[in-house]
Amino acid sequence: MTVLAVFRSRAQTLDFIAKARGLGVPAQAVSTPKEAGVGCGISARFEEGFLEKARMLVRQRPYSSFAGFLREGRYLGS
């Protein structure tokens, strides 16, 4: 299943994707869906099996624009 890391900042999304790939997470940039409720922008998409690595990365980096993880239109928290 696919998970999105939703950010309010394009630069922080791209930084997250670069750092995630460095950890072996095959993340890619996608349009943020309207259900996220954070306006237009881009999010990082990856497979759910990498969620714990993604959570670790969000905890380690100062991503002030991070809005949460989204799966099937529902937030999973941070």
C-alpha atoms as a PDB file:
ATOM      1  CA  MET A   1       0.000   0.000   0.000  1.00  0.00           C
ATOM      2  CA  THR A   2       1.180   3.526  -0.773  1.00  0.00           C
ATOM      3  CA  VAL A   3       1.803   6.191   1.882  1.00  0.00           C
ATOM      4  CA  LEU A   4       2.315   9.919   1.389  1.00  0.00           C
ATOM      5  CA  ALA A   5       4.484  12.162   3.539  1.00  0.00           C
ATOM      6  CA  VAL A   6       2.635  15.476   3.304  1.00  0.00           C
ATOM      7  CA  PHE A   7       4.501  18.767   3.630  1.00  0.00           C
ATOM      8  CA  ARG A   8       3.520  22.426   3.236  1.00  0.00           C
ATOM      9  CA  SER A   9       6.945  23.244   1.782  1.00  0.00           C
ATOM     10  CA  ARG A  10       8.173  22.125  -1.626  1.00  0.00           C
ATOM     11  CA  ALA A  11      11.818  22.459  -0.517  1.00  0.00           C
ATOM     12  CA  GLN A  12      11.275  20.296   2.571  1.00  0.00           C
ATOM     13  CA  THR A  13       9.459  17.664   0.506  1.00  0.00           C
ATOM     14  CA  LEU A  14      12.382  17.439  -1.897  1.00  0.00           C
ATOM     15  CA  ASP A  15      14.848  17.296   1.004  1.00  0.00           C
ATOM     16  CA  PHE A  16      12.828  14.485   2.592  1.00  0.00           C
ATOM     17  CA  ILE A  17      12.844  12.541  -0.691  1.00  0.00           C
ATOM     18  CA  ALA A  18      16.618  12.907  -1.076  1.00  0.00           C
ATOM     19  CA  LYS A  19      17.281  11.842   2.524  1.00  0.00           C
ATOM     20  CA  ALA A  20      14.792   8.960   2.282  1.00  0.00           C
ATOM     21  CA  ARG A  21      16.453   7.644  -0.854  1.00  0.00           C
ATOM     22  CA  GLY A  22      19.766   7.800   0.999  1.00  0.00           C
ATOM     23  CA  LEU A  23      18.226   5.448   3.576  1.00  0.00           C
ATOM     24  CA  GLY A  24      17.087   3.048   0.864  1.00  0.00           C
ATOM     25  CA  VAL A  25      13.485   4.257   0.702  1.00  0.00           C
ATOM     26  CA  PRO A  26      12.379   4.500  -2.961  1.00  0.00           C
ATOM     27  CA  ALA A  27      10.417   7.743  -2.544  1.00  0.00           C
ATOM     28  CA  GLN A  28       9.142   9.962  -5.325  1.00  0.00           C
ATOM     29  CA  ALA A  29       7.459  13.350  -5.634  1.00  0.00           C
ATOM     30  CA  VAL A  30       3.724  13.402  -6.371  1.00  0.00           C
ATOM     31  CA  SER A  31       0.983  16.025  -6.294  1.00  0.00           C
ATOM     32  CA  THR A  32      -0.588  16.462  -2.872  1.00  0.00           C
ATOM     33  CA  PRO A  33      -4.214  15.261  -2.999  1.00  0.00           C
ATOM     34  CA  LYS A  34      -7.029  17.604  -2.007  1.00  0.00           C
ATOM     35  CA  GLU A  35      -7.947  15.264   0.886  1.00  0.00           C
ATOM     36  CA  ALA A  36      -4.738  16.323   2.633  1.00  0.00           C
ATOM     37  CA  GLY A  37      -6.191  19.793   3.135  1.00  0.00           C
ATOM     38  CA  VAL A  38      -2.843  21.583   2.961  1.00  0.00           C
ATOM     39  CA  GLY A  39      -3.306  23.388  -0.343  1.00  0.00           C
ATOM     40  CA  CYS A  40      -1.502  22.654  -3.539  1.00  0.00           C
ATOM     41  CA  GLY A  41       1.983  21.267  -3.446  1.00  0.00           C
ATOM     42  CA  ILE A  42       3.952  18.101  -3.628  1.00  0.00           C
ATOM     43  CA  SER A  43       4.229  15.159  -1.280  1.00  0.00           C
ATOM     44  CA  ALA A  44       6.590  12.212  -1.040  1.00  0.00           C
ATOM     45  CA  ARG A  45       5.163   8.802  -2.006  1.00  0.00           C
ATOM     46  CA  PHE A  46       6.606   5.487  -0.838  1.00  0.00           C
ATOM     47  CA  GLU A  47       5.462   1.977   0.015  1.00  0.00           C
ATOM     48  CA  GLU A  48       4.069   1.317   3.498  1.00  0.00           C
ATOM     49  CA  GLY A  49       6.862  -1.148   4.277  1.00  0.00           C
ATOM     50  CA  PHE A  50       9.201   1.851   4.569  1.00  0.00           C
ATOM     51  CA  LEU A  51       6.969   3.812   6.960  1.00  0.00           C
ATOM     52  CA  GLU A  52       9.149   3.282  10.041  1.00  0.00           C
ATOM     53  CA  LYS A  53      12.242   4.563   8.216  1.00  0.00           C
ATOM     54  CA  ALA A  54      10.233   7.575   7.041  1.00  0.00           C
ATOM     55  CA  ARG A  55       9.010   8.271  10.593  1.00  0.00           C
ATOM     56  CA  MET A  56      12.568   8.053  11.879  1.00  0.00           C
ATOM     57  CA  LEU A  57      13.681  10.564   9.250  1.00  0.00           C
ATOM     58  CA  VAL A  58      10.902  13.019  10.145  1.00  0.00           C
ATOM     59  CA  ARG A  59      11.858  12.792  13.831  1.00  0.00           C
ATOM     60  CA  GLN A  60      15.533  13.459  13.050  1.00  0.00           C
ATOM     61  CA  ARG A  61      15.115  16.446  10.722  1.00  0.00           C
ATOM     62  CA  PRO A  62      13.647  19.895  11.454  1.00  0.00           C
ATOM     63  CA  TYR A  63      10.729  19.616   9.001  1.00  0.00           C
ATOM     64  CA  SER A  64       8.554  22.476  10.257  1.00  0.00           C
ATOM     65  CA  SER A  65       6.169  22.085   7.316  1.00  0.00           C
ATOM     66  CA  PHE A  66       5.495  18.369   7.829  1.00  0.00           C
ATOM     67  CA  ALA A  67       1.723  17.773   8.060  1.00  0.00           C
ATOM     68  CA  GLY A  68       1.699  13.990   8.569  1.00  0.00           C
ATOM     69  CA  PHE A  69       1.505  10.675   6.748  1.00  0.00           C
ATOM     70  CA  LEU A  70      -1.523   9.913   4.611  1.00  0.00           C
ATOM     71  CA  ARG A  71      -2.795   6.488   3.483  1.00  0.00           C
ATOM     72  CA  GLU A  72      -6.030   6.024   1.541  1.00  0.00           C
ATOM     73  CA  GLY A  73      -7.156   9.542   2.423  1.00  0.00           C
ATOM     74  CA  ARG A  74      -6.595   9.067   6.186  1.00  0.00           C
ATOM     75  CA  TYR A  75      -3.847  10.551   8.296  1.00  0.00           C
ATOM     76  CA  LEU A  76      -1.601   8.116  10.126  1.00  0.00           C
ATOM     77  CA  GLY A  77      -0.047  10.771  12.353  1.00  0.00           C
ATOM     78  CA  SER A  78       3.615  11.688  12.371  1.00  0.00           C
END
